[in-house]
Amino acid sequence: MIEIIEQENLLENAACVGAYLQERLRTLQAHGAPICEVRGRGLMIGVELTHPVARTVFQNALERRLILNAVGDTVLRIVPPLVITKRDVDEAIRNSRLAVFQEVSV
């Protein structure tokens, strides 16, 4: 397992794609998504919401085949697989941004 992680440069991918995912989430925040803060390291990302709607956002995401974790009323945890690509991030954001965040009434 460790050999595969090293051979496939998965740690480098986690750092690069994780930073990209955080950037994309901050872009959603700038465009009105109810996001207060985006934080994390690599592909373990926390999203603090401005209102207690994490469970609603979680449910909306799940209906669109995105797995998030509501770890409180205002915090989402995102931990995608190590093999995720920037293209995967773009597709997830594009396919879900309106539905996941904008259907939430705050």
Protein backbone atom coordinates (compact mmCIF):
# COMPACT_ATOMS: atom_id res chain seq x y z
CA MET A 1 0.00 0.00 0.00
CA ILE A 2 2.76 2.47 0.92
CA GLU A 3 4.56 1.61 -2.31
CA ILE A 4 1.48 2.48 -4.37
CA ILE A 5 1.06 5.79 -2.54
CA GLU A 6 4.68 6.62 -3.32
CA GLN A 7 4.63 5.34 -6.92
CA GLU A 8 1.45 7.22 -7.77
CA ASN A 9 2.61 10.42 -6.02
CA LEU A 10 -0.63 10.44 -4.05
CA LEU A 11 0.72 12.61 -1.23
CA GLU A 12 1.75 15.30 -3.71
CA ASN A 13 -1.64 14.95 -5.38
CA ALA A 14 -3.40 15.36 -2.04
CA ALA A 15 -1.52 18.60 -1.32
CA CYS A 16 -2.06 20.02 -4.81
CA VAL A 17 -5.69 19.02 -5.32
CA GLY A 18 -6.55 19.81 -1.70
CA ALA A 19 -5.30 23.38 -2.15
CA TYR A 20 -7.26 23.60 -5.40
CA LEU A 21 -10.45 22.34 -3.75
CA GLN A 22 -10.08 24.90 -0.97
CA GLU A 23 -9.62 27.61 -3.61
CA ARG A 24 -12.79 26.52 -5.42
CA LEU A 25 -14.75 26.49 -2.14
CA ARG A 26 -13.55 30.03 -1.40
CA THR A 27 -14.78 31.03 -4.84
CA LEU A 28 -18.21 29.65 -3.93
CA GLN A 29 -18.00 31.68 -0.73
CA ALA A 30 -17.21 34.84 -2.72
CA HIS A 31 -20.26 34.16 -4.89
CA GLY A 32 -22.66 33.98 -1.97
CA ALA A 33 -22.54 30.41 -0.67
CA PRO A 34 -23.16 30.43 3.10
CA ILE A 35 -19.51 29.67 3.88
CA CYS A 36 -17.77 31.42 6.75
CA GLU A 37 -14.37 29.71 6.56
CA VAL A 38 -12.56 27.01 4.60
CA ARG A 39 -9.68 25.25 6.35
CA GLY A 40 -7.72 22.06 6.15
CA ARG A 41 -4.61 20.30 5.06
CA GLY A 42 -4.25 18.20 1.97
CA LEU A 43 -7.55 16.51 1.19
CA MET A 44 -8.98 16.79 4.70
CA ILE A 45 -11.03 19.97 4.49
CA GLY A 46 -13.41 21.65 6.89
CA VAL A 47 -16.04 24.13 5.78
CA GLU A 48 -17.61 26.31 8.43
CA LEU A 49 -21.00 27.64 7.39
CA THR A 50 -22.51 30.99 8.32
CA HIS A 51 -25.78 29.40 9.45
CA PRO A 52 -26.72 26.06 11.08
CA VAL A 53 -27.53 24.32 7.78
CA ALA A 54 -24.79 21.67 7.59
CA ARG A 55 -27.23 18.78 7.73
CA THR A 56 -29.33 20.28 4.93
CA VAL A 57 -26.24 20.87 2.79
CA PHE A 58 -25.15 17.28 3.54
CA GLN A 59 -28.52 15.92 2.43
CA ASN A 60 -28.55 18.05 -0.73
CA ALA A 61 -25.05 16.86 -1.59
CA LEU A 62 -25.90 13.22 -0.95
CA GLU A 63 -28.86 13.47 -3.33
CA ARG A 64 -26.35 14.61 -5.97
CA ARG A 65 -23.97 11.72 -5.22
CA LEU A 66 -21.45 13.84 -3.29
CA ILE A 67 -20.34 12.53 0.05
CA LEU A 68 -19.79 15.17 2.69
CA ASN A 69 -19.99 14.81 6.43
CA ALA A 70 -21.96 17.19 8.64
CA VAL A 71 -19.94 17.20 11.85
CA GLY A 72 -22.08 19.75 13.60
CA ASP A 73 -24.75 22.29 12.79
CA THR A 74 -22.33 24.61 11.01
CA VAL A 75 -19.38 22.44 9.92
CA LEU A 76 -18.90 20.15 6.95
CA ARG A 77 -15.98 17.78 6.55
CA ILE A 78 -14.82 16.89 3.06
CA VAL A 79 -12.36 14.01 2.68
CA PRO A 80 -12.20 12.87 -0.95
CA PRO A 81 -10.08 9.90 -2.07
CA LEU A 82 -6.35 10.40 -2.62
CA VAL A 83 -6.77 9.77 -6.36
CA ILE A 84 -9.14 12.73 -6.93
CA THR A 85 -8.09 15.09 -9.72
CA LYS A 86 -8.63 18.79 -10.34
CA ARG A 87 -11.01 17.75 -13.09
CA ASP A 88 -13.04 15.74 -10.55
CA VAL A 89 -13.15 18.79 -8.28
CA ASP A 90 -14.31 21.01 -11.13
CA GLU A 91 -17.04 18.55 -12.07
CA ALA A 92 -18.25 18.21 -8.48
CA ILE A 93 -18.33 21.98 -7.99
CA ARG A 94 -20.01 22.61 -11.34
CA ASN A 95 -22.65 19.92 -10.89
CA SER A 96 -23.49 20.74 -7.33
CA ARG A 97 -22.79 24.35 -6.43
CA LEU A 98 -26.24 25.72 -7.11
CA ALA A 99 -28.13 22.79 -5.72
CA VAL A 100 -26.06 22.10 -2.63
CA PHE A 101 -25.67 25.61 -1.27
CA GLN A 102 -28.23 27.81 -2.94
CA GLU A 103 -31.24 25.65 -2.06
CA VAL A 104 -30.40 26.29 1.58
CA SER A 105 -32.59 29.02 2.98
CA VAL A 106 -30.63 31.18 5.41
